[in-house]
Structure formats: structure tokens, C-alpha cells
Amino acid sequence: MTRTYRIGQIVPSSNTTMETEIPAMLRAREAVLPERFTFHSSRMRMHRVVKEELEAMNREGLRCAAELADARVDVMSTACLVAIMAMGVGHHRTVERELAEVARANHCVAPVMTSAGALVEGLKALGARRIALMAPYTRPLTELVVAYIEHEGIEVIDWRCFEIADNLEVGRRDPMRLVEDVRSLKTAGADVVVASACVQMPSLPAIRPIEEMLGIPTVSTAVCTVYGMLTRLGLIPAVPGAGALLAEGGPVLG
């Protein structure tokens, strides 16, 4: 019998993208591989991507982990990158440990991950030492994201931020705009381009076009999250059309 896996996500209340792009990638995978997936979320209140709201939202994460544990999900992930990265370098490890403790206390043995940690993990799986990235955040928050990634040993050679504080507005951004946005990014010498260093800024349709245009492996936080989920489930991390990280046969290095 084909096994069905339960995917659990801890999602900002105003996020509309991770519950769209994660299922889209795993449905595409279902077309070529036997495993099946269902999707389950618990929400934390957040409207504007500013540090005060991010801090308040983070405090709700433990409740969400307990709720997802009740569903006996097979893997559990946060779905907000900047909320973790804004709290200080290396913070995803603390969050993963705290969420896992709650999950275990509620009789759930699922691996626990964060989208923040997944981006770092995905970049390292591609052998990235130098990257360029795009993000929707205000400049101060984007600078925190850049510092966080660089603390993990990956140089950010160039970056762009779009100064959007309203999280719903971020989610309404046309993902294909990124194909034009990336033209203003300095990518010469980059090992990987991060089309969206954000779980809310849609990017999935733009991943392959950017790769083909630049000839550089291209990822997003959502793509890296799927990679992290599949590897933790012990499954082949392959999704058609999702770029080099999720290529059949393993990550395609630049």
C-alpha cells in the first residue's frame, strides 16, 4: 500500500503562500512518485512584518506545536523565516528544540524543523558559499536576515528588499515579477540565487525561469522547506519543476 504522510505547518495567521506552494510541490511529486500527503496547519496571529508583531507571534508557537502534535503529523515545520531570524543568529536551533519538546510531551515523535533552518540547510546542500537574495521585508529586517545567513558561513554578495510591511500585500505579489527583479541583482560569482528569502512572498512559478535565465541554481524558502520535509521523512527529495535543489537524483550543484 502507498503510504500517506501528514505534513504539519505552524503558520502566521496572515500567511497565504506556504499552504499553497508546499501542497503544490508535493502534489507535483505525487504525479511521479508513489507517496501521498495531507496538509495540516496551526496559526499564530500576525498582520504586519515588524519586529514587535514577530516577537508576539513567536510566543504562540508552542501552542501551535501542541495542536499539530494532536494530529500526529509525520513532520512539523514553522512557516515564518524572518520571525526566527530577527531574534538573533542561530535562533532556529533554539526554536526547533523548544517545539520538539512540546511535540514529545504531547506524544508526537515527528521530526521538527523551521523554515529558517531549512533555507540554510538547502543552501548548504547545494554547496553554496556565495549567494544573492531577494526579500519583501523592510531594510532593517532584511539586514537581519542577511546577517543571520552570513553567520551560518554563507556570504551574501548582493540583496534586494521590497519594503512591504503588510503581510497580506506580500502574499498578493505576482511571483513572475521576480524574473524581472532579479535582473537588478548582482549574481556574478553567486553559487545560488534565493528568489524569495520569505515564506509569504510567492515565487514557485519563477524558480525555473530564473535558473534558466541565469544558469545558476535558484531556490526559495518554500523549496528549501520541502527539501527539509522530504529528507526528514526519509523520502527522495525530488519535485518536478521546483529547481536544482529538488531535482531528480539529488541537488544539482552550480
Protein backbone atom coordinates (compact mmCIF):
# COMPACT_ATOMS: atom_id res chain seq x y z
CA MET A 1 0.00 0.00 0.00
CA THR A 2 1.13 3.56 -0.74
CA ARG A 3 1.82 5.44 2.48
CA THR A 4 0.24 8.81 3.19
CA TYR A 5 2.27 11.34 5.20
CA ARG A 6 0.80 14.15 7.30
CA ILE A 7 2.54 17.50 6.77
CA GLY A 8 2.21 19.92 9.71
CA GLN A 9 2.95 23.64 9.47
CA ILE A 10 2.93 26.40 12.09
CA VAL A 11 1.74 29.35 10.02
CA PRO A 12 1.36 33.11 10.58
CA SER A 13 -2.36 33.92 10.52
CA SER A 14 -1.94 36.24 7.52
CA ASN A 15 0.21 33.79 5.53
CA THR A 16 -1.45 32.58 2.33
CA THR A 17 1.56 31.17 0.49
CA MET A 18 3.03 28.24 2.41
CA GLU A 19 -0.33 26.44 2.40
CA THR A 20 -0.35 26.98 -1.37
CA GLU A 21 3.23 26.36 -2.51
CA ILE A 22 4.06 23.42 -0.21
CA PRO A 23 0.99 21.42 -1.35
CA ALA A 24 1.62 22.41 -4.98
CA MET A 25 5.15 20.97 -4.84
CA LEU A 26 4.10 17.78 -3.10
CA ARG A 27 1.16 17.29 -5.48
CA ALA A 28 3.62 17.61 -8.37
CA ARG A 29 5.75 14.97 -6.69
CA GLU A 30 2.72 12.67 -6.36
CA ALA A 31 2.46 12.65 -10.16
CA VAL A 32 5.81 10.85 -10.46
CA LEU A 33 6.40 9.11 -7.11
CA PRO A 34 4.12 6.87 -5.03
CA GLU A 35 3.90 8.65 -1.67
CA ARG A 36 0.84 10.74 -0.81
CA PHE A 37 0.48 13.73 1.52
CA THR A 38 -2.16 15.53 3.57
CA PHE A 39 -1.71 19.04 4.96
CA HIS A 40 -2.43 20.39 8.44
CA SER A 41 -1.79 23.85 9.91
CA SER A 42 -2.00 25.75 13.17
CA ARG A 43 -1.94 29.55 13.07
CA MET A 44 -0.21 32.35 15.02
CA ARG A 45 -1.63 35.87 14.86
CA MET A 46 0.38 38.35 12.75
CA HIS A 47 -0.59 41.11 10.31
CA ARG A 48 2.44 43.34 9.78
CA VAL A 49 6.01 42.17 9.34
CA VAL A 50 7.53 44.34 12.05
CA LYS A 51 9.66 43.15 14.95
CA GLU A 52 7.05 43.78 17.66
CA GLU A 53 4.43 41.62 15.92
CA LEU A 54 7.01 38.95 15.10
CA GLU A 55 8.01 38.69 18.77
CA ALA A 56 4.37 38.40 19.86
CA MET A 57 3.69 35.78 17.19
CA ASN A 58 6.66 33.65 18.24
CA ARG A 59 5.16 33.26 21.71
CA GLU A 60 2.23 31.37 20.17
CA GLY A 61 4.44 28.75 18.53
CA LEU A 62 4.42 26.32 21.44
CA ARG A 63 0.61 26.22 21.46
CA CYS A 64 0.66 25.50 17.74
CA ALA A 65 3.15 22.67 18.18
CA ALA A 66 0.85 21.05 20.75
CA GLU A 67 -2.11 21.35 18.38
CA LEU A 68 -0.24 19.75 15.49
CA ALA A 69 1.03 17.03 17.81
CA ASP A 70 -2.61 16.11 18.47
CA ALA A 71 -2.97 15.37 14.74
CA ARG A 72 0.07 13.06 14.90
CA VAL A 73 1.70 14.74 11.94
CA ASP A 74 4.73 12.99 10.43
CA VAL A 75 6.84 16.15 10.12
CA MET A 76 6.33 19.57 11.70
CA SER A 77 7.75 22.88 10.46
CA THR A 78 7.38 26.54 11.20
CA ALA A 79 6.33 28.66 8.23
CA CYS A 80 7.88 32.02 9.05
CA LEU A 81 11.54 32.74 8.31
CA VAL A 82 12.01 36.33 9.42
CA ALA A 83 10.25 35.84 12.78
CA ILE A 84 13.06 33.48 13.75
CA MET A 85 15.99 35.20 12.03
CA ALA A 86 15.06 38.56 13.59
CA MET A 87 15.52 37.09 17.07
CA GLY A 88 19.27 36.58 16.73
CA VAL A 89 21.76 34.41 14.91
CA GLY A 90 21.33 30.66 15.30
CA HIS A 91 17.88 31.07 16.84
CA HIS A 92 16.28 28.38 14.66
CA ARG A 93 18.11 25.73 16.69
CA THR A 94 16.54 27.02 19.92
CA VAL A 95 13.08 27.12 18.35
CA GLU A 96 13.40 23.61 16.93
CA ARG A 97 14.44 22.27 20.33
CA GLU A 98 11.57 24.01 22.15
CA LEU A 99 8.95 22.91 19.63
CA ALA A 100 10.24 19.33 19.69
CA GLU A 101 9.95 19.26 23.49
CA VAL A 102 6.29 20.28 23.23
CA ALA A 103 5.63 17.73 20.50
CA ARG A 104 7.19 14.93 22.55
CA ALA A 105 5.23 15.97 25.66
CA ASN A 106 2.11 15.56 23.56
CA HIS A 107 3.03 12.09 22.30
CA CYS A 108 4.18 13.12 18.81
CA VAL A 109 7.53 11.78 17.60
CA ALA A 110 7.63 13.72 14.32
CA PRO A 111 10.86 15.47 13.33
CA VAL A 112 10.56 19.22 13.96
CA MET A 113 12.15 21.85 11.71
CA THR A 114 11.93 25.54 10.88
CA SER A 115 11.76 27.31 7.54
CA ALA A 116 14.67 29.47 8.70
CA GLY A 117 16.84 26.44 9.31
CA ALA A 118 15.58 24.85 6.09
CA LEU A 119 16.86 27.76 3.99
CA VAL A 120 20.34 27.40 5.49
CA GLU A 121 20.19 23.63 5.08
CA GLY A 122 19.08 23.85 1.46
CA LEU A 123 21.83 26.31 0.58
CA LYS A 124 24.44 24.04 2.13
CA ALA A 125 23.02 21.02 0.28
CA LEU A 126 23.74 22.95 -2.93
CA GLY A 127 27.27 23.70 -1.75
CA ALA A 128 26.57 27.44 -1.68
CA ARG A 129 29.34 29.64 -0.37
CA ARG A 130 28.19 32.88 -2.00
CA ILE A 131 24.57 33.80 -2.70
CA ALA A 132 22.34 36.66 -3.84
CA LEU A 133 18.83 37.01 -2.45
CA MET A 134 15.54 38.88 -2.70
CA ALA A 135 13.10 39.54 0.14
CA PRO A 136 9.91 41.58 0.63
CA TYR A 137 10.86 42.93 4.07
CA THR A 138 11.80 46.40 5.23
CA ARG A 139 15.51 47.16 5.00
CA PRO A 140 16.27 46.68 8.75
CA LEU A 141 14.63 43.24 8.79
CA THR A 142 16.36 42.23 5.56
CA GLU A 143 19.70 43.23 7.06
CA LEU A 144 18.98 40.88 9.97
CA VAL A 145 18.24 38.06 7.52
CA VAL A 146 21.48 38.72 5.65
CA ALA A 147 23.47 38.76 8.90
CA TYR A 148 21.83 35.52 10.00
CA ILE A 149 22.74 33.70 6.80
CA GLU A 150 26.29 35.04 6.86
CA HIS A 151 26.67 33.84 10.46
CA GLU A 152 25.96 30.35 9.07
CA GLY A 153 29.03 30.65 6.85
CA ILE A 154 27.37 31.72 3.60
CA GLU A 155 28.35 35.08 2.08
CA VAL A 156 25.53 37.25 0.72
CA ILE A 157 27.13 39.14 -2.17
CA ASP A 158 24.03 41.16 -3.04
CA TRP A 159 20.41 41.50 -1.95
CA ARG A 160 17.20 43.38 -2.69
CA CYS A 161 14.29 44.17 -0.38
CA PHE A 162 10.90 45.45 -1.48
CA GLU A 163 9.93 47.30 1.75
CA ILE A 164 6.50 45.67 2.17
CA ALA A 165 5.33 45.55 5.80
CA ASP A 166 1.74 44.36 5.21
CA ASN A 167 1.93 40.56 5.13
CA LEU A 168 -1.22 40.15 3.04
CA GLU A 169 0.24 42.51 0.45
CA VAL A 170 3.38 40.37 0.36
CA GLY A 171 1.25 37.33 -0.42
CA ARG A 172 -0.53 39.11 -3.26
CA ARG A 173 2.72 39.93 -5.09
CA ASP A 174 2.90 38.41 -8.59
CA PRO A 175 5.64 35.75 -8.40
CA MET A 176 6.66 36.32 -12.03
CA ARG A 177 7.78 39.85 -11.14
CA LEU A 178 10.81 38.16 -9.60
CA VAL A 179 12.06 37.22 -13.07
CA GLU A 180 12.47 40.94 -13.79
CA ASP A 181 13.51 41.87 -10.24
CA VAL A 182 16.47 39.50 -10.36
CA ARG A 183 17.95 41.42 -13.31
CA SER A 184 18.88 44.22 -10.89
CA LEU A 185 20.64 41.77 -8.58
CA LYS A 186 24.38 41.22 -8.81
CA THR A 187 24.61 37.48 -9.42
CA ALA A 188 28.08 37.14 -11.00
CA GLY A 189 30.03 34.88 -8.68
CA ALA A 190 26.94 33.64 -6.82
CA ASP A 191 26.61 29.89 -6.33
CA VAL A 192 22.87 30.13 -5.67
CA VAL A 193 20.13 32.73 -6.05
CA VAL A 194 17.40 32.89 -3.39
CA ALA A 195 14.34 34.13 -5.27
CA SER A 196 12.35 34.54 -2.05
CA ALA A 197 14.01 34.64 1.37
CA CYS A 198 10.48 34.67 2.76
CA VAL A 199 7.72 32.11 3.20
CA GLN A 200 4.98 34.58 2.19
CA MET A 201 6.39 36.12 -1.00
CA PRO A 202 5.21 33.77 -3.79
CA SER A 203 7.98 32.52 -6.04
CA LEU A 204 7.37 28.94 -7.18
CA PRO A 205 6.48 29.71 -10.84
CA ALA A 206 9.62 31.87 -11.14
CA ILE A 207 12.19 29.35 -9.85
CA ARG A 208 12.84 27.51 -13.11
CA PRO A 209 12.68 30.62 -15.36
CA ILE A 210 15.28 32.36 -13.18
CA GLU A 211 17.52 29.29 -13.21
CA GLU A 212 17.27 29.02 -16.98
CA MET A 213 17.89 32.74 -17.48
CA LEU A 214 20.90 32.98 -15.16
CA GLY A 215 22.30 29.47 -15.33
CA ILE A 216 22.54 29.49 -11.52
CA PRO A 217 20.70 27.15 -9.10
CA THR A 218 17.73 29.02 -7.68
CA VAL A 219 15.74 28.30 -4.53
CA SER A 220 13.14 29.83 -2.26
CA THR A 221 12.39 29.31 1.41
CA ALA A 222 9.38 27.19 0.41
CA VAL A 223 11.53 25.00 -1.88
CA CYS A 224 14.08 24.53 0.92
CA THR A 225 11.28 23.70 3.37
CA VAL A 226 10.01 20.93 1.09
CA TYR A 227 13.57 19.61 0.77
CA GLY A 228 13.85 19.55 4.56
CA MET A 229 10.49 17.84 4.99
CA LEU A 230 11.21 15.10 2.47
CA THR A 231 14.68 14.34 3.78
CA ARG A 232 13.37 14.12 7.35
CA LEU A 233 10.69 11.70 6.19
CA GLY A 234 13.36 9.57 4.54
CA LEU A 235 11.89 10.21 1.10
CA ILE A 236 13.53 11.13 -2.20
CA PRO A 237 13.76 14.97 -2.18
CA ALA A 238 12.55 15.35 -5.76
CA VAL A 239 9.83 17.63 -7.16
CA PRO A 240 9.34 18.25 -10.88
CA GLY A 241 9.79 21.88 -11.91
CA ALA A 242 10.97 23.11 -8.50
CA GLY A 243 14.58 23.80 -9.40
CA ALA A 244 18.03 22.40 -8.75
CA LEU A 245 17.60 21.58 -5.05
CA LEU A 246 14.67 19.26 -5.74
CA ALA A 247 15.99 17.80 -8.98
CA GLU A 248 15.52 14.07 -9.52
CA GLY A 249 18.72 12.34 -8.50
CA GLY A 250 19.64 14.94 -5.90
CA PRO A 251 20.63 18.63 -5.74
CA VAL A 252 22.21 19.94 -8.93
CA LEU A 253 25.26 21.95 -7.94
CA GLY A 254 26.16 25.10 -9.83
